[in-house]
Amino acid sequence: MVTPGNTIYLPQIGRSIMAAAGETVLQAALAAGIAYPHGCRMGRCGACKSHLISGEIDLLKHTPFSLTEEEKAEGLTLACRAVPMSDMTIGWLDGEDEFADIPTGRFEGTVVEAVDATHDIKLIRIRLEDRAQFTFKPGQYVRLLYPDCSPRDYSIASRVDEELIEFHIRHVPGGMTSGRIFSLAKAGDPVTIVGPFGSSFLREKHCGPILGIAGGSGLAPVKAVVEAALAAGRERPVHVYFGARAERDLYMLDRFEDLATRHGNLSFVPVLSNEDHTNIRRGYVGAAVADDFDDLDGWKAYIAGPPAMIEATVPQLLARGMRTADIHADVFFTPER
């Protein structure tokens, strides 16, 4: 039986937190405001792989490639699947990786612009009352509190140095919050954001090639990461793959084509899964990447989109030599209401 109030000690930051009954290590850490490295939160990507130093856990269902039997035998686990059964000590594997040590906060703002990007994605730009106090890393997300709506998490699409904070809001079928924002959002609406959160952010110390893979409105964090990487001025290869079902689901093509024109190290490839097009590749976005590259060792991938896309893409990257620690994933889940 799970004992309420188990203590989790995180040696990398020298801090102890409490886990409620049935709560995973990752859930407890995020609730405590700790940017614990993670990606999909569902045991699919392996980004939260950790070393269980002491204590007992109940390891929930996960995919074999995210944590192998050999790794379990070596004392490794997944923070997003590990439910404490006793007091425990656990450390994430990326101890030498960059850490998003940015305090979370609550910030008030106003919608400046709400424009349609596609038939079901709206671009919302917000001006904060105190923009100077809000900092984040490219690729992170915030919790958006819109009037008369349940809180929802959305990735930041804008650059760190831009005044307005941009979000790409997809109207999820049956989603009350996304539907209301998509239908009713207008300039002048008051809004609150809480954050930032997330560990799928640009690793600025990494000097190797970058691979951005986006599905649908997952283009938002990939856009932020790619634009920040290009602004850094390093002449490393940056490849962006944007997957969608049909041509009407694609957006910001002109922006990325313009970036590619101005930056010779950037390539941009849209991919359609359900529609043939003369000038656009047909197939699944992960398969397109796999077809184009044989060896991804030393690369970093930033992936954002639907869970099915993440689940299909990650093993293809691993099969081409990319390390799990170099895959940074942000999954967009469909809210229940």
C-alpha atoms as a PDB file:
ATOM      1  CA  MET A   1       0.000   0.000   0.000  1.00  0.00           C
ATOM      2  CA  VAL A   2       1.232   3.471  -0.851  1.00  0.00           C
ATOM      3  CA  THR A   3       2.021   5.488   2.243  1.00  0.00           C
ATOM      4  CA  PRO A   4       0.906   9.148   2.092  1.00  0.00           C
ATOM      5  CA  GLY A   5       3.566  11.718   2.702  1.00  0.00           C
ATOM      6  CA  ASN A   6       6.680   9.925   1.461  1.00  0.00           C
ATOM      7  CA  THR A   7       9.778  12.105   1.306  1.00  0.00           C
ATOM      8  CA  ILE A   8      11.761  12.420  -1.939  1.00  0.00           C
ATOM      9  CA  TYR A   9      15.315  13.725  -1.613  1.00  0.00           C
ATOM     10  CA  LEU A  10      16.871  15.255  -4.739  1.00  0.00           C
ATOM     11  CA  PRO A  11      20.657  15.402  -4.173  1.00  0.00           C
ATOM     12  CA  GLN A  12      21.396  17.513  -7.268  1.00  0.00           C
ATOM     13  CA  ILE A  13      19.628  20.483  -5.717  1.00  0.00           C
ATOM     14  CA  GLY A  14      19.923  19.426  -2.076  1.00  0.00           C
ATOM     15  CA  ARG A  15      16.196  19.558  -1.467  1.00  0.00           C
ATOM     16  CA  SER A  16      13.528  17.260  -0.056  1.00  0.00           C
ATOM     17  CA  ILE A  17       9.913  17.290  -1.254  1.00  0.00           C
ATOM     18  CA  MET A  18       6.794  15.395  -0.287  1.00  0.00           C
ATOM     19  CA  ALA A  19       4.820  13.046  -2.532  1.00  0.00           C
ATOM     20  CA  ALA A  20       1.125  12.490  -1.942  1.00  0.00           C
ATOM     21  CA  ALA A  21      -0.394   9.022  -2.171  1.00  0.00           C
ATOM     22  CA  GLY A  22      -0.266   7.761  -5.763  1.00  0.00           C
ATOM     23  CA  GLU A  23       1.771  10.739  -6.969  1.00  0.00           C
ATOM     24  CA  THR A  24       4.808  10.102  -9.165  1.00  0.00           C
ATOM     25  CA  VAL A  25       8.231  11.574  -8.498  1.00  0.00           C
ATOM     26  CA  LEU A  26       7.845  13.879 -11.490  1.00  0.00           C
ATOM     27  CA  GLN A  27       4.395  15.084 -10.432  1.00  0.00           C
ATOM     28  CA  ALA A  28       5.663  15.866  -6.936  1.00  0.00           C
ATOM     29  CA  ALA A  29       8.727  17.683  -8.284  1.00  0.00           C
ATOM     30  CA  LEU A  30       6.765  19.812 -10.748  1.00  0.00           C
ATOM     31  CA  ALA A  31       4.179  20.639  -8.086  1.00  0.00           C
ATOM     32  CA  ALA A  32       7.048  21.864  -5.903  1.00  0.00           C
ATOM     33  CA  GLY A  33       8.247  24.181  -8.680  1.00  0.00           C
ATOM     34  CA  ILE A  34      11.288  22.086  -9.594  1.00  0.00           C
ATOM     35  CA  ALA A  35      12.212  21.916 -13.289  1.00  0.00           C
ATOM     36  CA  TYR A  36      12.849  18.165 -13.212  1.00  0.00           C
ATOM     37  CA  PRO A  37      14.073  16.997 -16.637  1.00  0.00           C
ATOM     38  CA  HIS A  38      11.148  15.397 -18.471  1.00  0.00           C
ATOM     39  CA  GLY A  39       9.387  15.124 -21.772  1.00  0.00           C
ATOM     40  CA  CYS A  40       6.234  13.148 -22.466  1.00  0.00           C
ATOM     41  CA  ARG A  41       5.225  12.464 -18.816  1.00  0.00           C
ATOM     42  CA  MET A  42       3.820   9.098 -19.953  1.00  0.00           C
ATOM     43  CA  GLY A  43       6.837   6.758 -19.927  1.00  0.00           C
ATOM     44  CA  ARG A  44       7.346   7.023 -23.665  1.00  0.00           C
ATOM     45  CA  CYS A  45      10.425   9.175 -24.281  1.00  0.00           C
ATOM     46  CA  GLY A  46      12.916   8.396 -21.479  1.00  0.00           C
ATOM     47  CA  ALA A  47      13.800  12.054 -20.923  1.00  0.00           C
ATOM     48  CA  CYS A  48      13.177  11.753 -17.164  1.00  0.00           C
ATOM     49  CA  LYS A  49      15.359   8.663 -16.731  1.00  0.00           C
ATOM     50  CA  SER A  50      16.825   8.748 -13.238  1.00  0.00           C
ATOM     51  CA  HIS A  51      18.995   6.822 -10.800  1.00  0.00           C
ATOM     52  CA  LEU A  52      17.058   5.406  -7.844  1.00  0.00           C
ATOM     53  CA  ILE A  53      19.682   5.795  -5.121  1.00  0.00           C
ATOM     54  CA  SER A  54      17.589   4.458  -2.252  1.00  0.00           C
ATOM     55  CA  GLY A  55      13.997   3.606  -1.391  1.00  0.00           C
ATOM     56  CA  GLU A  56      11.221   1.607  -3.024  1.00  0.00           C
ATOM     57  CA  ILE A  57       8.915   2.532  -5.902  1.00  0.00           C
ATOM     58  CA  ASP A  58       5.995   1.188  -7.873  1.00  0.00           C
ATOM     59  CA  LEU A  59       7.026   1.527 -11.524  1.00  0.00           C
ATOM     60  CA  LEU A  60       4.000   2.175 -13.737  1.00  0.00           C
ATOM     61  CA  LYS A  61       3.605   1.035 -17.352  1.00  0.00           C
ATOM     62  CA  HIS A  62       6.124   2.413 -19.850  1.00  0.00           C
ATOM     63  CA  THR A  63       7.520   1.638 -23.293  1.00  0.00           C
ATOM     64  CA  PRO A  64      10.518  -0.733 -23.540  1.00  0.00           C
ATOM     65  CA  PHE A  65      12.744   1.757 -25.363  1.00  0.00           C
ATOM     66  CA  SER A  66      12.259   4.420 -22.672  1.00  0.00           C
ATOM     67  CA  LEU A  67      13.624   2.067 -19.980  1.00  0.00           C
ATOM     68  CA  THR A  68      15.077  -1.363 -20.753  1.00  0.00           C
ATOM     69  CA  GLU A  69      15.228  -4.356 -18.430  1.00  0.00           C
ATOM     70  CA  GLU A  70      19.009  -3.968 -18.309  1.00  0.00           C
ATOM     71  CA  GLU A  71      18.664  -0.360 -17.155  1.00  0.00           C
ATOM     72  CA  LYS A  72      16.184  -1.386 -14.458  1.00  0.00           C
ATOM     73  CA  ALA A  73      18.700  -3.947 -13.212  1.00  0.00           C
ATOM     74  CA  GLU A  74      21.276  -1.150 -12.993  1.00  0.00           C
ATOM     75  CA  GLY A  75      18.996   0.877 -10.707  1.00  0.00           C
ATOM     76  CA  LEU A  76      17.532   3.226 -13.281  1.00  0.00           C
ATOM     77  CA  THR A  77      13.907   4.301 -13.364  1.00  0.00           C
ATOM     78  CA  LEU A  78      11.580   6.879 -14.916  1.00  0.00           C
ATOM     79  CA  ALA A  79      10.525   9.764 -12.695  1.00  0.00           C
ATOM     80  CA  CYS A  80       7.207  10.101 -14.540  1.00  0.00           C
ATOM     81  CA  ARG A  81       6.355   6.448 -13.827  1.00  0.00           C
ATOM     82  CA  ALA A  82       7.889   6.054 -10.359  1.00  0.00           C
ATOM     83  CA  VAL A  83       5.402   6.169  -7.473  1.00  0.00           C
ATOM     84  CA  PRO A  84       7.227   6.266  -4.096  1.00  0.00           C
ATOM     85  CA  MET A  85       6.434   3.376  -1.762  1.00  0.00           C
ATOM     86  CA  SER A  86       8.801   4.670   0.940  1.00  0.00           C
ATOM     87  CA  ASP A  87      11.056   7.624   1.603  1.00  0.00           C
ATOM     88  CA  MET A  88      13.558   7.726  -1.240  1.00  0.00           C
ATOM     89  CA  THR A  89      16.532   9.435  -2.877  1.00  0.00           C
ATOM     90  CA  ILE A  90      16.602   9.877  -6.639  1.00  0.00           C
ATOM     91  CA  GLY A  91      18.758  11.814  -9.101  1.00  0.00           C
ATOM     92  CA  TRP A  92      18.194  12.529 -12.785  1.00  0.00           C
ATOM     93  CA  LEU A  93      20.875  11.343 -15.187  1.00  0.00           C
ATOM     94  CA  ASP A  94      21.495  14.647 -16.887  1.00  0.00           C
ATOM     95  CA  GLY A  95      23.457  16.006 -13.963  1.00  0.00           C
ATOM     96  CA  GLU A  96      25.886  17.883 -16.211  1.00  0.00           C
ATOM     97  CA  ASP A  97      23.138  19.224 -18.470  1.00  0.00           C
ATOM     98  CA  GLU A  98      21.825  22.747 -18.280  1.00  0.00           C
ATOM     99  CA  PHE A  99      19.160  23.423 -15.680  1.00  0.00           C
ATOM    100  CA  ALA A 100      16.259  25.843 -16.072  1.00  0.00           C
ATOM    101  CA  ASP A 101      16.739  27.463 -12.682  1.00  0.00           C
ATOM    102  CA  ILE A 102      14.139  30.162 -13.250  1.00  0.00           C
ATOM    103  CA  PRO A 103      11.635  30.894 -10.469  1.00  0.00           C
ATOM    104  CA  THR A 104       8.000  30.542 -11.397  1.00  0.00           C
ATOM    105  CA  GLY A 105       5.645  33.437 -10.866  1.00  0.00           C
ATOM    106  CA  ARG A 106       2.211  34.819 -11.626  1.00  0.00           C
ATOM    107  CA  PHE A 107       1.984  37.563 -14.245  1.00  0.00           C
ATOM    108  CA  GLU A 108      -0.977  39.643 -15.367  1.00  0.00           C
ATOM    109  CA  GLY A 109      -1.400  40.741 -18.949  1.00  0.00           C
ATOM    110  CA  THR A 110      -3.736  41.739 -21.755  1.00  0.00           C
ATOM    111  CA  VAL A 111      -4.368  40.236 -25.175  1.00  0.00           C
ATOM    112  CA  VAL A 112      -3.001  42.540 -27.881  1.00  0.00           C
ATOM    113  CA  GLU A 113      -3.749  40.401 -30.908  1.00  0.00           C
ATOM    114  CA  ALA A 114      -5.723  37.231 -31.718  1.00  0.00           C
ATOM    115  CA  VAL A 115      -5.440  36.064 -35.333  1.00  0.00           C
ATOM    116  CA  ASP A 116      -6.224  32.824 -37.153  1.00  0.00           C
ATOM    117  CA  ALA A 117      -3.179  30.804 -38.203  1.00  0.00           C
ATOM    118  CA  THR A 118      -5.195  27.868 -39.590  1.00  0.00           C
ATOM    119  CA  HIS A 119      -8.782  26.657 -39.434  1.00  0.00           C
ATOM    120  CA  ASP A 120      -8.178  25.403 -35.873  1.00  0.00           C
ATOM    121  CA  ILE A 121      -5.081  27.249 -34.586  1.00  0.00           C
ATOM    122  CA  LYS A 122      -5.122  30.823 -33.345  1.00  0.00           C
ATOM    123  CA  LEU A 123      -2.099  32.995 -32.581  1.00  0.00           C
ATOM    124  CA  ILE A 124      -2.548  34.905 -29.331  1.00  0.00           C
ATOM    125  CA  ARG A 125      -0.108  37.671 -28.405  1.00  0.00           C
ATOM    126  CA  ILE A 126      -0.115  39.057 -24.875  1.00  0.00           C
ATOM    127  CA  ARG A 127       1.444  42.139 -23.332  1.00  0.00           C
ATOM    128  CA  LEU A 128       2.402  41.632 -19.684  1.00  0.00           C
ATOM    129  CA  GLU A 129       2.088  44.412 -17.143  1.00  0.00           C
ATOM    130  CA  ASP A 130       5.642  43.758 -15.961  1.00  0.00           C
ATOM    131  CA  ARG A 131       7.431  42.105 -18.893  1.00  0.00           C
ATOM    132  CA  ALA A 132      10.863  42.754 -17.405  1.00  0.00           C
ATOM    133  CA  GLN A 133      10.120  40.412 -14.497  1.00  0.00           C
ATOM    134  CA  PHE A 134       9.080  37.493 -16.702  1.00  0.00           C
ATOM    135  CA  THR A 135      11.978  35.342 -17.879  1.00  0.00           C
ATOM    136  CA  PHE A 136      12.002  31.945 -19.560  1.00  0.00           C
ATOM    137  CA  LYS A 137      14.108  29.663 -21.718  1.00  0.00           C
ATOM    138  CA  PRO A 138      13.153  29.013 -25.359  1.00  0.00           C
ATOM    139  CA  GLY A 139      10.970  25.907 -25.460  1.00  0.00           C
ATOM    140  CA  GLN A 140       9.358  26.284 -22.032  1.00  0.00           C
ATOM    141  CA  TYR A 141       5.630  26.586 -21.347  1.00  0.00           C
ATOM    142  CA  VAL A 142       3.316  28.417 -18.949  1.00  0.00           C
ATOM    143  CA  ARG A 143      -0.094  27.833 -17.432  1.00  0.00           C
ATOM    144  CA  LEU A 144      -2.585  30.142 -19.114  1.00  0.00           C
ATOM    145  CA  LEU A 145      -5.538  31.405 -17.074  1.00  0.00           C
ATOM    146  CA  TYR A 146      -8.152  32.873 -19.378  1.00  0.00           C
ATOM    147  CA  PRO A 147     -11.396  34.443 -18.058  1.00  0.00           C
ATOM    148  CA  ASP A 148     -14.089  31.828 -17.340  1.00  0.00           C
ATOM    149  CA  CYS A 149     -11.823  28.989 -18.516  1.00  0.00           C
ATOM    150  CA  SER A 150     -10.012  26.117 -16.822  1.00  0.00           C
ATOM    151  CA  PRO A 151      -6.212  26.571 -16.646  1.00  0.00           C
ATOM    152  CA  ARG A 152      -4.297  25.059 -19.556  1.00  0.00           C
ATOM    153  CA  ASP A 153      -0.601  24.692 -20.360  1.00  0.00           C
ATOM    154  CA  TYR A 154       0.696  26.307 -23.553  1.00  0.00           C
ATOM    155  CA  SER A 155       4.222  26.596 -24.917  1.00  0.00           C
ATOM    156  CA  ILE A 156       5.725  30.013 -25.547  1.00  0.00           C
ATOM    157  CA  ALA A 157       6.345  30.679 -29.248  1.00  0.00           C
ATOM    158  CA  SER A 158       8.015  34.069 -28.948  1.00  0.00           C
ATOM    159  CA  ARG A 159      11.682  34.852 -28.455  1.00  0.00           C
ATOM    160  CA  VAL A 160      13.033  35.771 -25.037  1.00  0.00           C
ATOM    161  CA  ASP A 161      13.824  39.305 -26.232  1.00  0.00           C
ATOM    162  CA  GLU A 162      10.369  40.040 -27.700  1.00  0.00           C
ATOM    163  CA  GLU A 163       7.986  42.300 -25.832  1.00  0.00           C
ATOM    164  CA  LEU A 164       4.843  40.306 -26.597  1.00  0.00           C
ATOM    165  CA  ILE A 165       4.356  36.716 -25.443  1.00  0.00           C
ATOM    166  CA  GLU A 166       2.996  34.529 -28.227  1.00  0.00           C
ATOM    167  CA  PHE A 167       0.967  31.319 -27.967  1.00  0.00           C
ATOM    168  CA  HIS A 168      -0.479  28.989 -30.593  1.00  0.00           C
ATOM    169  CA  ILE A 169      -3.899  27.836 -29.353  1.00  0.00           C
ATOM    170  CA  ARG A 170      -5.364  24.819 -31.128  1.00  0.00           C
ATOM    171  CA  HIS A 171      -9.127  24.280 -30.911  1.00  0.00           C
ATOM    172  CA  VAL A 172      -9.320  20.731 -29.569  1.00  0.00           C
ATOM    173  CA  PRO A 173     -12.607  19.039 -30.604  1.00  0.00           C
ATOM    174  CA  GLY A 174     -14.830  19.079 -27.523  1.00  0.00           C
ATOM    175  CA  GLY A 175     -12.326  21.145 -25.562  1.00  0.00           C
ATOM    176  CA  MET A 176     -14.200  23.841 -23.646  1.00  0.00           C
ATOM    177  CA  THR A 177     -11.155  25.951 -22.819  1.00  0.00           C
ATOM    178  CA  SER A 178      -9.436  25.816 -26.215  1.00  0.00           C
ATOM    179  CA  GLY A 179     -12.809  26.235 -27.938  1.00  0.00           C
ATOM    180  CA  ARG A 180     -13.673  29.318 -25.940  1.00  0.00           C
ATOM    181  CA  ILE A 181     -10.286  30.939 -26.477  1.00  0.00           C
ATOM    182  CA  PHE A 182     -10.310  30.118 -30.189  1.00  0.00           C
ATOM    183  CA  SER A 183     -13.815  31.479 -30.686  1.00  0.00           C
ATOM    184  CA  LEU A 184     -13.905  34.474 -28.367  1.00  0.00           C
ATOM    185  CA  ALA A 185     -10.342  35.733 -27.797  1.00  0.00           C
ATOM    186  CA  LYS A 186      -9.957  39.387 -28.708  1.00  0.00           C
ATOM    187  CA  ALA A 187      -7.722  42.351 -28.056  1.00  0.00           C
ATOM    188  CA  GLY A 188      -8.246  43.768 -24.575  1.00  0.00           C
ATOM    189  CA  ASP A 189      -9.028  40.478 -22.827  1.00  0.00           C
ATOM    190  CA  PRO A 190      -7.329  40.202 -19.411  1.00  0.00           C
ATOM    191  CA  VAL A 191      -5.200  37.088 -18.955  1.00  0.00           C
ATOM    192  CA  THR A 192      -2.880  35.591 -16.346  1.00  0.00           C
ATOM    193  CA  ILE A 193       0.110  33.339 -16.928  1.00  0.00           C
ATOM    194  CA  VAL A 194       1.878  31.220 -14.327  1.00  0.00           C
ATOM    195  CA  GLY A 195       5.340  29.851 -14.984  1.00  0.00           C
ATOM    196  CA  PRO A 196       7.614  29.160 -16.665  1.00  0.00           C
ATOM    197  CA  PHE A 197       7.744  25.358 -16.563  1.00  0.00           C
ATOM    198  CA  GLY A 198       9.362  22.563 -18.523  1.00  0.00           C
ATOM    199  CA  SER A 199      12.781  21.118 -19.307  1.00  0.00           C
ATOM    200  CA  SER A 200      12.422  20.860 -23.104  1.00  0.00           C
ATOM    201  CA  PHE A 201      14.337  24.093 -23.625  1.00  0.00           C
ATOM    202  CA  LEU A 202      17.292  25.063 -25.822  1.00  0.00           C
ATOM    203  CA  ARG A 203      20.589  23.781 -24.460  1.00  0.00           C
ATOM    204  CA  GLU A 204      22.780  26.810 -25.117  1.00  0.00           C
ATOM    205  CA  LYS A 205      26.054  25.028 -24.310  1.00  0.00           C
ATOM    206  CA  HIS A 206      25.460  22.422 -26.998  1.00  0.00           C
ATOM    207  CA  CYS A 207      27.406  23.294 -30.147  1.00  0.00           C
ATOM    208  CA  GLY A 208      26.324  20.383 -32.347  1.00  0.00           C
ATOM    209  CA  PRO A 209      23.540  20.088 -34.938  1.00  0.00           C
ATOM    210  CA  ILE A 210      19.925  20.695 -33.954  1.00  0.00           C
ATOM    211  CA  LEU A 211      16.815  18.861 -35.089  1.00  0.00           C
ATOM    212  CA  GLY A 212      13.400  20.436 -34.519  1.00  0.00           C
ATOM    213  CA  ILE A 213      10.362  18.202 -35.069  1.00  0.00           C
ATOM    214  CA  ALA A 214       6.872  19.682 -34.699  1.00  0.00           C
ATOM    215  CA  GLY A 215       3.366  18.378 -35.113  1.00  0.00           C
ATOM    216  CA  GLY A 216       0.466  20.841 -35.385  1.00  0.00           C
ATOM    217  CA  SER A 217       0.590  23.578 -32.752  1.00  0.00           C
ATOM    218  CA  GLY A 218       3.762  21.920 -31.452  1.00  0.00           C
ATOM    219  CA  LEU A 219       5.421  24.327 -33.858  1.00  0.00           C
ATOM    220  CA  ALA A 220       5.254  26.957 -31.082  1.00  0.00           C
ATOM    221  CA  PRO A 221       8.128  25.742 -28.856  1.00  0.00           C
ATOM    222  CA  VAL A 222      10.130  24.495 -31.846  1.00  0.00           C
ATOM    223  CA  LYS A 223       9.887  27.989 -33.347  1.00  0.00           C
ATOM    224  CA  ALA A 224      11.171  29.519 -30.104  1.00  0.00           C
ATOM    225  CA  VAL A 225      14.081  27.071 -29.880  1.00  0.00           C
ATOM    226  CA  VAL A 226      15.085  27.427 -33.526  1.00  0.00           C
ATOM    227  CA  GLU A 227      14.953  31.223 -33.572  1.00  0.00           C
ATOM    228  CA  ALA A 228      17.064  31.390 -30.403  1.00  0.00           C
ATOM    229  CA  ALA A 229      19.588  28.926 -31.840  1.00  0.00           C
ATOM    230  CA  LEU A 230      19.907  30.966 -35.038  1.00  0.00           C
ATOM    231  CA  ALA A 231      20.246  34.216 -33.083  1.00  0.00           C
ATOM    232  CA  ALA A 232      23.219  32.715 -31.218  1.00  0.00           C
ATOM    233  CA  GLY A 233      25.187  33.028 -34.451  1.00  0.00           C
ATOM    234  CA  ARG A 234      26.757  29.583 -34.514  1.00  0.00           C
ATOM    235  CA  GLU A 235      27.023  28.028 -37.973  1.00  0.00           C
ATOM    236  CA  ARG A 236      25.776  24.612 -36.882  1.00  0.00           C
ATOM    237  CA  PRO A 237      23.156  22.782 -38.974  1.00  0.00           C
ATOM    238  CA  VAL A 238      19.550  23.343 -37.875  1.00  0.00           C
ATOM    239  CA  HIS A 239      16.901  21.146 -39.486  1.00  0.00           C
ATOM    240  CA  VAL A 240      13.174  21.682 -38.875  1.00  0.00           C
ATOM    241  CA  TYR A 241      10.482  19.159 -39.828  1.00  0.00           C
ATOM    242  CA  PHE A 242       6.861  20.253 -39.528  1.00  0.00           C
ATOM    243  CA  GLY A 243       4.252  17.493 -39.713  1.00  0.00           C
ATOM    244  CA  ALA A 244       0.543  18.022 -40.377  1.00  0.00           C
ATOM    245  CA  ARG A 245      -2.374  16.049 -41.760  1.00  0.00           C
ATOM    246  CA  ALA A 246      -3.246  18.285 -44.719  1.00  0.00           C
ATOM    247  CA  GLU A 247      -2.110  21.520 -46.339  1.00  0.00           C
ATOM    248  CA  ARG A 248      -4.728  23.520 -44.462  1.00  0.00           C
ATOM    249  CA  ASP A 249      -3.075  22.473 -41.176  1.00  0.00           C
ATOM    250  CA  LEU A 250       0.258  24.068 -42.079  1.00  0.00           C
ATOM    251  CA  TYR A 251       1.104  27.602 -40.994  1.00  0.00           C
ATOM    252  CA  MET A 252       4.063  29.979 -40.675  1.00  0.00           C
ATOM    253  CA  LEU A 253       5.605  28.507 -43.824  1.00  0.00           C
ATOM    254  CA  ASP A 254       6.597  31.962 -45.064  1.00  0.00           C
ATOM    255  CA  ARG A 255       8.317  32.751 -41.765  1.00  0.00           C
ATOM    256  CA  PHE A 256      10.469  29.623 -41.814  1.00  0.00           C
ATOM    257  CA  GLU A 257      11.232  29.935 -45.507  1.00  0.00           C
ATOM    258  CA  ASP A 258      12.382  33.499 -44.851  1.00  0.00           C
ATOM    259  CA  LEU A 259      14.568  32.295 -41.984  1.00  0.00           C
ATOM    260  CA  ALA A 260      16.056  29.638 -44.245  1.00  0.00           C
ATOM    261  CA  THR A 261      16.828  32.289 -46.854  1.00  0.00           C
ATOM    262  CA  ARG A 262      18.623  34.450 -44.294  1.00  0.00           C
ATOM    263  CA  HIS A 263      20.377  31.555 -42.529  1.00  0.00           C
ATOM    264  CA  GLY A 264      22.172  29.128 -44.822  1.00  0.00           C
ATOM    265  CA  ASN A 265      22.500  26.591 -41.998  1.00  0.00           C
ATOM    266  CA  LEU A 266      18.688  26.202 -41.631  1.00  0.00           C
ATOM    267  CA  SER A 267      16.525  23.810 -43.604  1.00  0.00           C
ATOM    268  CA  PHE A 268      12.748  23.589 -43.265  1.00  0.00           C
ATOM    269  CA  VAL A 269      10.722  20.574 -44.410  1.00  0.00           C
ATOM    270  CA  PRO A 270       6.910  20.405 -44.151  1.00  0.00           C
ATOM    271  CA  VAL A 271       5.406  16.902 -44.289  1.00  0.00           C
ATOM    272  CA  LEU A 272       1.758  15.901 -44.881  1.00  0.00           C
ATOM    273  CA  SER A 273       0.480  12.565 -43.558  1.00  0.00           C
ATOM    274  CA  ASN A 274      -2.986  12.449 -45.130  1.00  0.00           C
ATOM    275  CA  GLU A 275      -2.773  14.420 -48.343  1.00  0.00           C
ATOM    276  CA  ASP A 276      -0.738  14.393 -51.549  1.00  0.00           C
ATOM    277  CA  HIS A 277       0.799  17.665 -52.669  1.00  0.00           C
ATOM    278  CA  THR A 278       3.060  18.518 -55.584  1.00  0.00           C
ATOM    279  CA  ASN A 279       5.629  20.470 -53.539  1.00  0.00           C
ATOM    280  CA  ILE A 280       5.252  18.958 -50.053  1.00  0.00           C
ATOM    281  CA  ARG A 281       6.512  15.588 -48.853  1.00  0.00           C
ATOM    282  CA  ARG A 282       3.974  12.889 -48.057  1.00  0.00           C
ATOM    283  CA  GLY A 283       4.250  10.602 -45.030  1.00  0.00           C
ATOM    284  CA  TYR A 284       4.829  10.749 -41.290  1.00  0.00           C
ATOM    285  CA  VAL A 285       7.206  13.373 -39.981  1.00  0.00           C
ATOM    286  CA  GLY A 286       9.341  10.923 -37.971  1.00  0.00           C
ATOM    287  CA  ALA A 287       9.747   8.692 -41.014  1.00  0.00           C
ATOM    288  CA  ALA A 288      10.844  11.701 -43.072  1.00  0.00           C
ATOM    289  CA  VAL A 289      13.603  12.421 -40.562  1.00  0.00           C
ATOM    290  CA  ALA A 290      14.641   8.761 -40.541  1.00  0.00           C
ATOM    291  CA  ASP A 291      14.849   8.764 -44.341  1.00  0.00           C
ATOM    292  CA  ASP A 292      17.079  11.839 -44.389  1.00  0.00           C
ATOM    293  CA  PHE A 293      19.630  10.922 -41.693  1.00  0.00           C
ATOM    294  CA  ASP A 294      21.697   7.833 -40.967  1.00  0.00           C
ATOM    295  CA  ASP A 295      23.693   9.015 -37.947  1.00  0.00           C
ATOM    296  CA  LEU A 296      22.323  11.443 -35.341  1.00  0.00           C
ATOM    297  CA  ASP A 297      24.998  10.910 -32.714  1.00  0.00           C
ATOM    298  CA  GLY A 298      25.942  14.289 -31.230  1.00  0.00           C
ATOM    299  CA  TRP A 299      22.699  15.947 -32.326  1.00  0.00           C
ATOM    300  CA  LYS A 300      20.001  17.345 -30.075  1.00  0.00           C
ATOM    301  CA  ALA A 301      16.327  16.985 -30.935  1.00  0.00           C
ATOM    302  CA  TYR A 302      13.522  19.234 -29.746  1.00  0.00           C
ATOM    303  CA  ILE A 303      10.154  17.587 -30.387  1.00  0.00           C
ATOM    304  CA  ALA A 304       6.659  18.894 -29.717  1.00  0.00           C
ATOM    305  CA  GLY A 305       3.272  17.617 -30.807  1.00  0.00           C
ATOM    306  CA  PRO A 306       0.650  14.910 -30.252  1.00  0.00           C
ATOM    307  CA  PRO A 307       1.587  11.875 -28.108  1.00  0.00           C
ATOM    308  CA  ALA A 308       1.281   9.471 -31.062  1.00  0.00           C
ATOM    309  CA  MET A 309       3.766  11.517 -33.060  1.00  0.00           C
ATOM    310  CA  ILE A 310       6.259  11.602 -30.185  1.00  0.00           C
ATOM    311  CA  GLU A 311       5.885   7.871 -29.558  1.00  0.00           C
ATOM    312  CA  ALA A 312       6.497   7.053 -33.223  1.00  0.00           C
ATOM    313  CA  THR A 313       9.408   9.458 -33.673  1.00  0.00           C
ATOM    314  CA  VAL A 314      11.581   8.851 -30.603  1.00  0.00           C
ATOM    315  CA  PRO A 315      12.526   5.220 -31.380  1.00  0.00           C
ATOM    316  CA  GLN A 316      13.505   6.234 -34.919  1.00  0.00           C
ATOM    317  CA  LEU A 317      15.908   8.823 -33.526  1.00  0.00           C
ATOM    318  CA  LEU A 318      17.362   6.317 -31.072  1.00  0.00           C
ATOM    319  CA  ALA A 319      17.831   3.804 -33.901  1.00  0.00           C
ATOM    320  CA  ARG A 320      20.009   6.376 -35.667  1.00  0.00           C
ATOM    321  CA  GLY A 321      22.352   6.886 -32.759  1.00  0.00           C
ATOM    322  CA  MET A 322      20.788   9.772 -30.868  1.00  0.00           C
ATOM    323  CA  ARG A 323      21.155   9.480 -27.104  1.00  0.00           C
ATOM    324  CA  THR A 324      18.033   9.577 -24.947  1.00  0.00           C
ATOM    325  CA  ALA A 325      19.545  12.506 -23.016  1.00  0.00           C
ATOM    326  CA  ASP A 326      19.675  14.482 -26.273  1.00  0.00           C
ATOM    327  CA  ILE A 327      15.961  14.097 -26.998  1.00  0.00           C
ATOM    328  CA  HIS A 328      13.884  16.880 -25.478  1.00  0.00           C
ATOM    329  CA  ALA A 329      10.184  16.287 -25.962  1.00  0.00           C
ATOM    330  CA  ASP A 330       7.092  18.339 -25.232  1.00  0.00           C
ATOM    331  CA  VAL A 331       3.832  16.434 -25.696  1.00  0.00           C
ATOM    332  CA  PHE A 332       0.470  18.109 -26.311  1.00  0.00           C
ATOM    333  CA  PHE A 333      -2.293  16.146 -24.633  1.00  0.00           C
ATOM    334  CA  THR A 334      -5.965  16.549 -25.490  1.00  0.00           C
ATOM    335  CA  PRO A 335      -7.812  17.893 -22.438  1.00  0.00           C
ATOM    336  CA  GLU A 336     -10.910  16.019 -21.353  1.00  0.00           C
ATOM    337  CA  ARG A 337     -13.050  19.121 -21.359  1.00  0.00           C
END
